[in-house]
Amino acid sequence: MTAGVWMDLTVLERKKYNSLSEALDLTGQIGEALDRSDQVSVRMLVAMRQDPILHLEEVGRTGSARRGSLSEEDQERVAALLAGA
């Protein structure tokens, strides 16, 4: 596996992390708005949360396609690294 491919996969994982963090933050804000019974804020935050979720799905598809283009040995290596090995 070349350094460029590894860098691409690393960037995709970072984007995935950023999208998850944003969705988690918005989810916390939704919880706070629900505690305040602020339905307007809840609706707005739910709509805002859709963007990072869609971005997360897109990044996941891109990462899967990129990993699928690797050799079987490199796929196993990447899977192990993503699992924390």
N, C-alpha and C. Protein backbone atom coordinates (compact mmCIF):
# COMPACT_ATOMS: atom_id res chain seq x y z
N MET A 1 0.85 -1.16 0.00
CA MET A 1 0.00 0.00 0.00
C MET A 1 0.90 1.24 0.00
N THR A 2 0.57 2.19 -0.84
CA THR A 2 1.40 3.39 -0.95
C THR A 2 1.05 4.39 0.14
N ALA A 3 1.93 5.33 0.34
CA ALA A 3 1.71 6.36 1.36
C ALA A 3 0.50 7.22 0.99
N GLY A 4 0.28 7.45 -0.30
CA GLY A 4 -0.86 8.24 -0.74
C GLY A 4 -2.19 7.58 -0.41
N VAL A 5 -2.26 6.28 -0.62
CA VAL A 5 -3.48 5.54 -0.29
C VAL A 5 -3.70 5.56 1.22
N TRP A 6 -2.65 5.36 1.97
CA TRP A 6 -2.77 5.38 3.43
C TRP A 6 -3.22 6.76 3.90
N MET A 7 -2.68 7.82 3.30
CA MET A 7 -3.07 9.18 3.67
C MET A 7 -4.55 9.42 3.34
N ASP A 8 -5.00 8.93 2.18
CA ASP A 8 -6.42 9.06 1.81
C ASP A 8 -7.32 8.39 2.84
N LEU A 9 -6.96 7.19 3.24
CA LEU A 9 -7.77 6.47 4.23
C LEU A 9 -7.74 7.17 5.58
N THR A 10 -6.61 7.73 5.94
CA THR A 10 -6.49 8.45 7.20
C THR A 10 -7.36 9.71 7.19
N VAL A 11 -7.35 10.42 6.08
CA VAL A 11 -8.17 11.63 5.95
C VAL A 11 -9.65 11.27 6.03
N LEU A 12 -10.04 10.17 5.40
CA LEU A 12 -11.44 9.74 5.46
C LEU A 12 -11.86 9.39 6.89
N GLU A 13 -10.98 8.74 7.62
CA GLU A 13 -11.30 8.40 9.01
C GLU A 13 -11.41 9.66 9.86
N ARG A 14 -10.59 10.65 9.58
CA ARG A 14 -10.66 11.92 10.32
C ARG A 14 -11.99 12.63 10.02
N LYS A 15 -12.39 12.60 8.75
CA LYS A 15 -13.67 13.20 8.37
C LYS A 15 -14.83 12.48 9.06
N LYS A 16 -14.72 11.16 9.16
CA LYS A 16 -15.75 10.38 9.84
C LYS A 16 -15.83 10.79 11.31
N TYR A 17 -14.68 10.93 11.95
CA TYR A 17 -14.63 11.35 13.35
C TYR A 17 -15.26 12.73 13.53
N ASN A 18 -14.93 13.66 12.64
CA ASN A 18 -15.48 15.01 12.74
C ASN A 18 -17.00 15.01 12.59
N SER A 19 -17.52 14.23 11.65
CA SER A 19 -18.96 14.15 11.46
C SER A 19 -19.65 13.52 12.67
N LEU A 20 -19.05 12.48 13.20
CA LEU A 20 -19.61 11.85 14.41
C LEU A 20 -19.61 12.82 15.59
N SER A 21 -18.54 13.57 15.75
CA SER A 21 -18.46 14.54 16.84
C SER A 21 -19.52 15.62 16.70
N GLU A 22 -19.72 16.09 15.48
CA GLU A 22 -20.73 17.12 15.24
C GLU A 22 -22.13 16.58 15.52
N ALA A 23 -22.41 15.37 15.06
CA ALA A 23 -23.72 14.76 15.31
C ALA A 23 -23.95 14.54 16.81
N LEU A 24 -22.91 14.13 17.52
CA LEU A 24 -23.03 13.92 18.96
C LEU A 24 -23.29 15.24 19.68
N ASP A 25 -22.59 16.29 19.29
CA ASP A 25 -22.80 17.60 19.90
C ASP A 25 -24.24 18.07 19.67
N LEU A 26 -24.72 17.94 18.44
CA LEU A 26 -26.09 18.36 18.14
C LEU A 26 -27.11 17.51 18.90
N THR A 27 -26.81 16.24 19.07
CA THR A 27 -27.70 15.37 19.83
C THR A 27 -27.79 15.83 21.29
N GLY A 28 -26.66 16.23 21.85
CA GLY A 28 -26.66 16.76 23.21
C GLY A 28 -27.48 18.04 23.31
N GLN A 29 -27.35 18.88 22.29
CA GLN A 29 -28.14 20.12 22.27
C GLN A 29 -29.63 19.82 22.14
N ILE A 30 -29.97 18.78 21.39
CA ILE A 30 -31.37 18.37 21.27
C ILE A 30 -31.90 17.96 22.65
N GLY A 31 -31.10 17.20 23.38
CA GLY A 31 -31.49 16.78 24.72
C GLY A 31 -31.74 17.97 25.64
N GLU A 32 -30.85 18.95 25.56
CA GLU A 32 -31.01 20.15 26.38
C GLU A 32 -32.28 20.91 25.99
N ALA A 33 -32.54 21.02 24.69
CA ALA A 33 -33.74 21.71 24.23
C ALA A 33 -35.00 20.96 24.67
N LEU A 34 -34.94 19.63 24.66
CA LEU A 34 -36.08 18.85 25.14
C LEU A 34 -36.32 19.07 26.63
N ASP A 35 -35.24 19.17 27.39
CA ASP A 35 -35.37 19.46 28.83
C ASP A 35 -36.05 20.79 29.08
N ARG A 36 -35.79 21.76 28.17
CA ARG A 36 -36.41 23.08 28.30
C ARG A 36 -37.79 23.14 27.66
N SER A 37 -38.22 22.05 27.02
CA SER A 37 -39.49 22.00 26.27
C SER A 37 -39.51 23.04 25.15
N ASP A 38 -38.36 23.21 24.51
CA ASP A 38 -38.20 24.18 23.42
C ASP A 38 -38.34 23.46 22.09
N GLN A 39 -39.57 23.31 21.62
CA GLN A 39 -39.84 22.54 20.42
C GLN A 39 -39.25 23.17 19.15
N VAL A 40 -39.18 24.50 19.11
CA VAL A 40 -38.62 25.18 17.94
C VAL A 40 -37.14 24.82 17.80
N SER A 41 -36.41 24.88 18.91
CA SER A 41 -34.99 24.52 18.87
C SER A 41 -34.79 23.05 18.54
N VAL A 42 -35.66 22.19 19.06
CA VAL A 42 -35.55 20.75 18.77
C VAL A 42 -35.68 20.52 17.28
N ARG A 43 -36.70 21.13 16.66
CA ARG A 43 -36.89 20.94 15.21
C ARG A 43 -35.69 21.45 14.42
N MET A 44 -35.18 22.61 14.82
CA MET A 44 -34.04 23.20 14.13
C MET A 44 -32.80 22.31 14.27
N LEU A 45 -32.55 21.82 15.48
CA LEU A 45 -31.37 20.99 15.72
C LEU A 45 -31.46 19.64 15.03
N VAL A 46 -32.65 19.07 14.98
CA VAL A 46 -32.82 17.79 14.27
C VAL A 46 -32.51 17.99 12.79
N ALA A 47 -32.99 19.10 12.22
CA ALA A 47 -32.69 19.38 10.81
C ALA A 47 -31.19 19.59 10.61
N MET A 48 -30.54 20.28 11.54
CA MET A 48 -29.10 20.53 11.44
C MET A 48 -28.30 19.25 11.57
N ARG A 49 -28.80 18.31 12.38
CA ARG A 49 -28.08 17.06 12.61
C ARG A 49 -28.06 16.18 11.36
N GLN A 50 -29.00 16.40 10.45
CA GLN A 50 -29.07 15.60 9.23
C GLN A 50 -27.82 15.76 8.37
N ASP A 51 -27.25 16.96 8.32
CA ASP A 51 -26.06 17.19 7.48
C ASP A 51 -24.87 16.32 7.88
N PRO A 52 -24.46 16.32 9.16
CA PRO A 52 -23.31 15.46 9.48
C PRO A 52 -23.61 13.97 9.32
N ILE A 53 -24.88 13.58 9.50
CA ILE A 53 -25.23 12.18 9.31
C ILE A 53 -25.10 11.80 7.84
N LEU A 54 -25.59 12.66 6.94
CA LEU A 54 -25.45 12.39 5.51
C LEU A 54 -23.98 12.40 5.10
N HIS A 55 -23.20 13.31 5.65
CA HIS A 55 -21.77 13.37 5.34
C HIS A 55 -21.07 12.10 5.83
N LEU A 56 -21.47 11.63 6.98
CA LEU A 56 -20.91 10.40 7.53
C LEU A 56 -21.19 9.21 6.60
N GLU A 57 -22.40 9.13 6.09
CA GLU A 57 -22.74 8.05 5.16
C GLU A 57 -21.90 8.14 3.89
N GLU A 58 -21.73 9.36 3.38
CA GLU A 58 -20.94 9.56 2.16
C GLU A 58 -19.48 9.16 2.38
N VAL A 59 -18.92 9.58 3.50
CA VAL A 59 -17.53 9.23 3.82
C VAL A 59 -17.39 7.72 3.99
N GLY A 60 -18.38 7.10 4.61
CA GLY A 60 -18.35 5.64 4.78
C GLY A 60 -18.34 4.91 3.44
N ARG A 61 -19.19 5.37 2.52
CA ARG A 61 -19.22 4.75 1.18
C ARG A 61 -17.90 4.95 0.45
N THR A 62 -17.34 6.16 0.55
CA THR A 62 -16.07 6.45 -0.11
C THR A 62 -14.95 5.59 0.47
N GLY A 63 -14.93 5.46 1.80
CA GLY A 63 -13.91 4.64 2.45
C GLY A 63 -14.03 3.17 2.07
N SER A 64 -15.26 2.69 2.02
CA SER A 64 -15.48 1.29 1.64
C SER A 64 -15.02 1.03 0.21
N ALA A 65 -15.33 1.95 -0.68
CA ALA A 65 -14.90 1.80 -2.07
C ALA A 65 -13.38 1.84 -2.16
N ARG A 66 -12.78 2.74 -1.40
CA ARG A 66 -11.32 2.86 -1.44
C ARG A 66 -10.65 1.60 -0.89
N ARG A 67 -11.19 1.09 0.23
CA ARG A 67 -10.62 -0.15 0.80
C ARG A 67 -10.88 -1.34 -0.12
N GLY A 68 -12.00 -1.32 -0.82
CA GLY A 68 -12.32 -2.42 -1.75
C GLY A 68 -11.37 -2.50 -2.93
N SER A 69 -10.72 -1.37 -3.24
CA SER A 69 -9.79 -1.37 -4.37
C SER A 69 -8.40 -1.86 -3.98
N LEU A 70 -8.20 -2.14 -2.70
CA LEU A 70 -6.90 -2.62 -2.23
C LEU A 70 -6.78 -4.13 -2.41
N SER A 71 -5.56 -4.60 -2.33
CA SER A 71 -5.34 -6.05 -2.36
C SER A 71 -5.92 -6.65 -1.09
N GLU A 72 -6.15 -7.95 -1.11
CA GLU A 72 -6.74 -8.62 0.05
C GLU A 72 -5.87 -8.46 1.30
N GLU A 73 -4.57 -8.55 1.11
CA GLU A 73 -3.63 -8.39 2.24
C GLU A 73 -3.73 -6.99 2.83
N ASP A 74 -3.77 -5.97 1.97
CA ASP A 74 -3.88 -4.59 2.45
C ASP A 74 -5.24 -4.35 3.10
N GLN A 75 -6.29 -4.95 2.58
CA GLN A 75 -7.61 -4.82 3.20
C GLN A 75 -7.60 -5.37 4.62
N GLU A 76 -6.97 -6.52 4.79
CA GLU A 76 -6.89 -7.12 6.13
C GLU A 76 -6.07 -6.25 7.07
N ARG A 77 -5.00 -5.68 6.54
CA ARG A 77 -4.14 -4.81 7.35
C ARG A 77 -4.89 -3.54 7.79
N VAL A 78 -5.62 -2.94 6.86
CA VAL A 78 -6.39 -1.74 7.17
C VAL A 78 -7.49 -2.07 8.16
N ALA A 79 -8.18 -3.20 7.97
CA ALA A 79 -9.24 -3.60 8.90
C ALA A 79 -8.69 -3.79 10.31
N ALA A 80 -7.52 -4.40 10.40
CA ALA A 80 -6.90 -4.61 11.72
C ALA A 80 -6.53 -3.28 12.37
N LEU A 81 -5.99 -2.36 11.58
CA LEU A 81 -5.62 -1.06 12.11
C LEU A 81 -6.85 -0.28 12.57
N LEU A 82 -7.92 -0.35 11.78
CA LEU A 82 -9.15 0.36 12.16
C LEU A 82 -9.79 -0.26 13.41
N ALA A 83 -9.51 -1.53 13.64
CA ALA A 83 -10.05 -2.20 14.83
C ALA A 83 -9.18 -1.96 16.07
N GLY A 84 -8.07 -1.24 15.88
CA GLY A 84 -7.24 -0.89 17.03
C GLY A 84 -5.98 -1.71 17.18
N ALA A 85 -5.64 -2.51 16.19
CA ALA A 85 -4.43 -3.34 16.30
C ALA A 85 -3.18 -2.50 16.17
